[in-house]
Amino acid sequence: MTEQNIAAENEPQFSLQRIYVRDLSFEAPKSPAIFRQAWEPSVSLELNTRQKPLENDFHEVVLTLSVTVKNGEEVAFIAEVQQGGIFLIKNLDAPSMSHTLGAFCPNILFPYARETLDSLVIRGSFPALMLAPVNFDALYAQELQRMQEAGEAPQA
């Protein structure tokens, strides 16, 4: 092997292998009565990410979006998607790997999760959800700061 080949083997590598829906749910507990009311929704969004190493430098990252929409005091619908991705990630130092798994990969998955939720809500006969973009880099930085203040070690 030449020095050039060895150097290329040690270069950081990142590639998306697959994007998929891991879990999907929708509930409209007050239908059909909710459709006969004036529509003044309030939206609550929870998001979470988790990752796990797979074999041979592959990693699974799962972005979970949970949306609860109320019309007045009544729950109009609850929708949740777990959008998964398999990523090949090689030759990154621990901080770069943590950032890639905690911010970069969820940023790739978010548009897919957002579209899946929007389609699901429309199929439930509700107006389009149209979630705003999320700054995963800022959320990742906030989580690192929270962990530092709590004296916890960041996950690689």
C-alpha atoms as a PDB file:
ATOM      1  CA  MET A   1       0.000   0.000   0.000  1.00  0.00           C
ATOM      2  CA  THR A   2       1.324   3.427  -0.856  1.00  0.00           C
ATOM      3  CA  GLU A   3       1.475   6.311   1.596  1.00  0.00           C
ATOM      4  CA  GLN A   4      -1.251   8.013  -0.418  1.00  0.00           C
ATOM      5  CA  ASN A   5      -3.612   5.034   0.019  1.00  0.00           C
ATOM      6  CA  ILE A   6      -2.884   4.826   3.747  1.00  0.00           C
ATOM      7  CA  ALA A   7      -3.528   8.564   4.142  1.00  0.00           C
ATOM      8  CA  ALA A   8      -6.806   8.227   2.221  1.00  0.00           C
ATOM      9  CA  GLU A   9      -7.869   5.333   4.473  1.00  0.00           C
ATOM     10  CA  ASN A  10      -7.376   7.506   7.546  1.00  0.00           C
ATOM     11  CA  GLU A  11      -9.347  10.472   6.172  1.00  0.00           C
ATOM     12  CA  PRO A  12     -12.674  11.208   7.863  1.00  0.00           C
ATOM     13  CA  GLN A  13     -15.544   9.567   6.013  1.00  0.00           C
ATOM     14  CA  PHE A  14     -19.277  10.193   6.178  1.00  0.00           C
ATOM     15  CA  SER A  15     -22.001   8.703   4.047  1.00  0.00           C
ATOM     16  CA  LEU A  16     -25.718   8.236   4.378  1.00  0.00           C
ATOM     17  CA  GLN A  17     -26.688   4.597   3.861  1.00  0.00           C
ATOM     18  CA  ARG A  18     -30.450   4.577   4.443  1.00  0.00           C
ATOM     19  CA  ILE A  19     -33.321   6.723   5.726  1.00  0.00           C
ATOM     20  CA  TYR A  20     -36.455   5.010   6.995  1.00  0.00           C
ATOM     21  CA  VAL A  21     -39.521   5.397   9.205  1.00  0.00           C
ATOM     22  CA  ARG A  22     -38.930   3.361  12.334  1.00  0.00           C
ATOM     23  CA  ASP A  23     -42.279   4.073  14.019  1.00  0.00           C
ATOM     24  CA  LEU A  24     -45.333   6.150  13.167  1.00  0.00           C
ATOM     25  CA  SER A  25     -48.519   6.912  15.064  1.00  0.00           C
ATOM     26  CA  PHE A  26     -51.518   9.192  14.780  1.00  0.00           C
ATOM     27  CA  GLU A  27     -54.477   9.622  17.109  1.00  0.00           C
ATOM     28  CA  ALA A  28     -57.463  11.974  16.780  1.00  0.00           C
ATOM     29  CA  PRO A  29     -59.388  11.201  19.984  1.00  0.00           C
ATOM     30  CA  LYS A  30     -62.165  13.788  19.487  1.00  0.00           C
ATOM     31  CA  SER A  31     -62.992  13.108  15.852  1.00  0.00           C
ATOM     32  CA  PRO A  32     -65.388  13.603  14.216  1.00  0.00           C
ATOM     33  CA  ALA A  33     -66.690  16.237  16.680  1.00  0.00           C
ATOM     34  CA  ILE A  34     -63.425  18.218  16.471  1.00  0.00           C
ATOM     35  CA  PHE A  35     -64.077  18.909  12.771  1.00  0.00           C
ATOM     36  CA  ARG A  36     -67.292  20.756  13.592  1.00  0.00           C
ATOM     37  CA  GLN A  37     -65.594  23.312  15.859  1.00  0.00           C
ATOM     38  CA  ALA A  38     -63.856  26.581  15.009  1.00  0.00           C
ATOM     39  CA  TRP A  39     -60.193  25.788  14.379  1.00  0.00           C
ATOM     40  CA  GLU A  40     -57.855  27.662  16.756  1.00  0.00           C
ATOM     41  CA  PRO A  41     -54.982  25.249  17.280  1.00  0.00           C
ATOM     42  CA  SER A  42     -52.073  25.373  19.703  1.00  0.00           C
ATOM     43  CA  VAL A  43     -49.126  23.178  18.778  1.00  0.00           C
ATOM     44  CA  SER A  44     -46.693  21.493  21.144  1.00  0.00           C
ATOM     45  CA  LEU A  45     -43.586  19.865  19.655  1.00  0.00           C
ATOM     46  CA  GLU A  46     -41.185  17.550  21.443  1.00  0.00           C
ATOM     47  CA  LEU A  47     -38.105  16.250  19.727  1.00  0.00           C
ATOM     48  CA  ASN A  48     -35.502  13.762  20.771  1.00  0.00           C
ATOM     49  CA  THR A  49     -32.565  12.008  19.202  1.00  0.00           C
ATOM     50  CA  ARG A  50     -30.816   8.805  20.037  1.00  0.00           C
ATOM     51  CA  GLN A  51     -27.999   6.960  18.410  1.00  0.00           C
ATOM     52  CA  LYS A  52     -26.394   3.580  18.655  1.00  0.00           C
ATOM     53  CA  PRO A  53     -23.312   2.117  17.068  1.00  0.00           C
ATOM     54  CA  LEU A  54     -23.793  -0.727  14.639  1.00  0.00           C
ATOM     55  CA  GLU A  55     -21.065  -2.927  13.189  1.00  0.00           C
ATOM     56  CA  ASN A  56     -18.101  -1.715  11.101  1.00  0.00           C
ATOM     57  CA  ASP A  57     -18.339   2.068  11.664  1.00  0.00           C
ATOM     58  CA  PHE A  58     -22.075   2.166  10.921  1.00  0.00           C
ATOM     59  CA  HIS A  59     -24.346   4.135  13.256  1.00  0.00           C
ATOM     60  CA  GLU A  60     -28.100   4.346  13.606  1.00  0.00           C
ATOM     61  CA  VAL A  61     -29.536   7.755  14.483  1.00  0.00           C
ATOM     62  CA  VAL A  62     -33.241   8.080  15.293  1.00  0.00           C
ATOM     63  CA  LEU A  63     -34.991  11.452  15.415  1.00  0.00           C
ATOM     64  CA  THR A  64     -38.345  11.404  17.208  1.00  0.00           C
ATOM     65  CA  LEU A  65     -40.869  14.193  16.638  1.00  0.00           C
ATOM     66  CA  SER A  66     -43.985  14.177  18.821  1.00  0.00           C
ATOM     67  CA  VAL A  67     -46.683  16.746  18.112  1.00  0.00           C
ATOM     68  CA  THR A  68     -49.750  17.406  20.229  1.00  0.00           C
ATOM     69  CA  VAL A  69     -52.266  19.845  18.790  1.00  0.00           C
ATOM     70  CA  LYS A  70     -55.053  21.202  20.946  1.00  0.00           C
ATOM     71  CA  ASN A  71     -58.095  23.095  19.775  1.00  0.00           C
ATOM     72  CA  GLY A  72     -58.972  25.133  22.813  1.00  0.00           C
ATOM     73  CA  GLU A  73     -58.684  22.705  25.742  1.00  0.00           C
ATOM     74  CA  GLU A  74     -59.345  19.546  23.720  1.00  0.00           C
ATOM     75  CA  VAL A  75     -56.672  17.440  22.070  1.00  0.00           C
ATOM     76  CA  ALA A  76     -57.332  17.513  18.334  1.00  0.00           C
ATOM     77  CA  PHE A  77     -54.584  15.051  17.465  1.00  0.00           C
ATOM     78  CA  ILE A  78     -51.333  13.506  18.561  1.00  0.00           C
ATOM     79  CA  ALA A  79     -48.830  12.496  15.904  1.00  0.00           C
ATOM     80  CA  GLU A  80     -45.406  10.947  16.300  1.00  0.00           C
ATOM     81  CA  VAL A  81     -42.713   9.791  13.921  1.00  0.00           C
ATOM     82  CA  GLN A  82     -39.419   8.091  14.590  1.00  0.00           C
ATOM     83  CA  GLN A  83     -37.280   8.827  11.543  1.00  0.00           C
ATOM     84  CA  GLY A  84     -34.214   6.631  11.408  1.00  0.00           C
ATOM     85  CA  GLY A  85     -31.029   6.758   9.433  1.00  0.00           C
ATOM     86  CA  ILE A  86     -28.000   4.541   9.022  1.00  0.00           C
ATOM     87  CA  PHE A  87     -24.746   6.422   8.550  1.00  0.00           C
ATOM     88  CA  LEU A  88     -21.211   5.268   7.826  1.00  0.00           C
ATOM     89  CA  ILE A  89     -18.882   7.445   9.892  1.00  0.00           C
ATOM     90  CA  LYS A  90     -15.152   6.737  10.097  1.00  0.00           C
ATOM     91  CA  ASN A  91     -12.003   8.326  11.435  1.00  0.00           C
ATOM     92  CA  LEU A  92     -13.476  11.139  13.514  1.00  0.00           C
ATOM     93  CA  ASP A  93     -12.154  12.185  16.898  1.00  0.00           C
ATOM     94  CA  ALA A  94     -14.569  11.866  19.845  1.00  0.00           C
ATOM     95  CA  PRO A  95     -15.826  15.502  19.853  1.00  0.00           C
ATOM     96  CA  SER A  96     -16.399  15.452  16.073  1.00  0.00           C
ATOM     97  CA  MET A  97     -18.180  12.092  16.277  1.00  0.00           C
ATOM     98  CA  SER A  98     -20.401  13.369  19.089  1.00  0.00           C
ATOM     99  CA  HIS A  99     -21.316  16.497  17.097  1.00  0.00           C
ATOM    100  CA  THR A 100     -21.936  14.493  13.923  1.00  0.00           C
ATOM    101  CA  LEU A 101     -24.270  12.054  15.691  1.00  0.00           C
ATOM    102  CA  GLY A 102     -25.928  14.694  17.880  1.00  0.00           C
ATOM    103  CA  ALA A 103     -26.467  17.521  15.390  1.00  0.00           C
ATOM    104  CA  PHE A 104     -25.409  16.790  11.810  1.00  0.00           C
ATOM    105  CA  CYS A 105     -27.293  13.496  11.367  1.00  0.00           C
ATOM    106  CA  PRO A 106     -30.540  14.771  12.988  1.00  0.00           C
ATOM    107  CA  ASN A 107     -30.328  17.797  10.693  1.00  0.00           C
ATOM    108  CA  ILE A 108     -30.342  15.427   7.708  1.00  0.00           C
ATOM    109  CA  LEU A 109     -33.269  13.408   9.110  1.00  0.00           C
ATOM    110  CA  PHE A 110     -35.477  16.369  10.078  1.00  0.00           C
ATOM    111  CA  PRO A 111     -36.895  17.241   6.617  1.00  0.00           C
ATOM    112  CA  TYR A 112     -37.952  13.614   6.144  1.00  0.00           C
ATOM    113  CA  ALA A 113     -39.592  13.469   9.576  1.00  0.00           C
ATOM    114  CA  ARG A 114     -41.308  16.820   8.993  1.00  0.00           C
ATOM    115  CA  GLU A 115     -42.725  15.682   5.634  1.00  0.00           C
ATOM    116  CA  THR A 116     -43.902  12.367   7.115  1.00  0.00           C
ATOM    117  CA  LEU A 117     -45.710  14.168   9.963  1.00  0.00           C
ATOM    118  CA  ASP A 118     -47.252  16.687   7.590  1.00  0.00           C
ATOM    119  CA  SER A 119     -48.544  13.926   5.305  1.00  0.00           C
ATOM    120  CA  LEU A 120     -49.923  12.009   8.284  1.00  0.00           C
ATOM    121  CA  VAL A 121     -51.770  15.051   9.631  1.00  0.00           C
ATOM    122  CA  ILE A 122     -53.283  15.809   6.218  1.00  0.00           C
ATOM    123  CA  ARG A 123     -54.462  12.205   5.930  1.00  0.00           C
ATOM    124  CA  GLY A 124     -56.184  12.725   9.275  1.00  0.00           C
ATOM    125  CA  SER A 125     -58.126  15.566   7.577  1.00  0.00           C
ATOM    126  CA  PHE A 126     -56.406  18.361   9.523  1.00  0.00           C
ATOM    127  CA  PRO A 127     -54.647  21.407   8.051  1.00  0.00           C
ATOM    128  CA  ALA A 128     -50.980  20.992   7.103  1.00  0.00           C
ATOM    129  CA  LEU A 129     -48.608  21.186  10.047  1.00  0.00           C
ATOM    130  CA  MET A 130     -45.618  22.869   8.330  1.00  0.00           C
ATOM    131  CA  LEU A 131     -43.095  22.671  11.211  1.00  0.00           C
ATOM    132  CA  ALA A 132     -40.395  25.350  11.203  1.00  0.00           C
ATOM    133  CA  PRO A 133     -36.763  24.320  10.727  1.00  0.00           C
ATOM    134  CA  VAL A 134     -34.834  23.307  13.843  1.00  0.00           C
ATOM    135  CA  ASN A 135     -31.281  24.428  14.665  1.00  0.00           C
ATOM    136  CA  PHE A 136     -29.767  21.143  15.837  1.00  0.00           C
ATOM    137  CA  ASP A 137     -26.334  22.737  16.277  1.00  0.00           C
ATOM    138  CA  ALA A 138     -27.778  25.158  18.855  1.00  0.00           C
ATOM    139  CA  LEU A 139     -29.673  22.346  20.607  1.00  0.00           C
ATOM    140  CA  TYR A 140     -26.512  20.241  20.682  1.00  0.00           C
ATOM    141  CA  ALA A 141     -24.511  23.151  22.161  1.00  0.00           C
ATOM    142  CA  GLN A 142     -27.204  23.699  24.822  1.00  0.00           C
ATOM    143  CA  GLU A 143     -27.125  20.015  25.735  1.00  0.00           C
ATOM    144  CA  LEU A 144     -23.316  20.047  26.025  1.00  0.00           C
ATOM    145  CA  GLN A 145     -23.515  23.082  28.285  1.00  0.00           C
ATOM    146  CA  ARG A 146     -26.217  21.437  30.417  1.00  0.00           C
ATOM    147  CA  MET A 147     -24.070  18.311  30.741  1.00  0.00           C
ATOM    148  CA  GLN A 148     -21.001  20.338  31.727  1.00  0.00           C
ATOM    149  CA  GLU A 149     -22.963  22.198  34.392  1.00  0.00           C
ATOM    150  CA  ALA A 150     -24.343  18.909  35.721  1.00  0.00           C
ATOM    151  CA  GLY A 151     -20.866  17.349  35.710  1.00  0.00           C
ATOM    152  CA  GLU A 152     -21.873  14.668  33.210  1.00  0.00           C
ATOM    153  CA  ALA A 153     -19.567  13.338  30.519  1.00  0.00           C
ATOM    154  CA  PRO A 154     -20.771  13.806  26.927  1.00  0.00           C
ATOM    155  CA  GLN A 155     -21.516  10.637  25.008  1.00  0.00           C
ATOM    156  CA  ALA A 156     -19.183   9.813  22.157  1.00  0.00           C
END
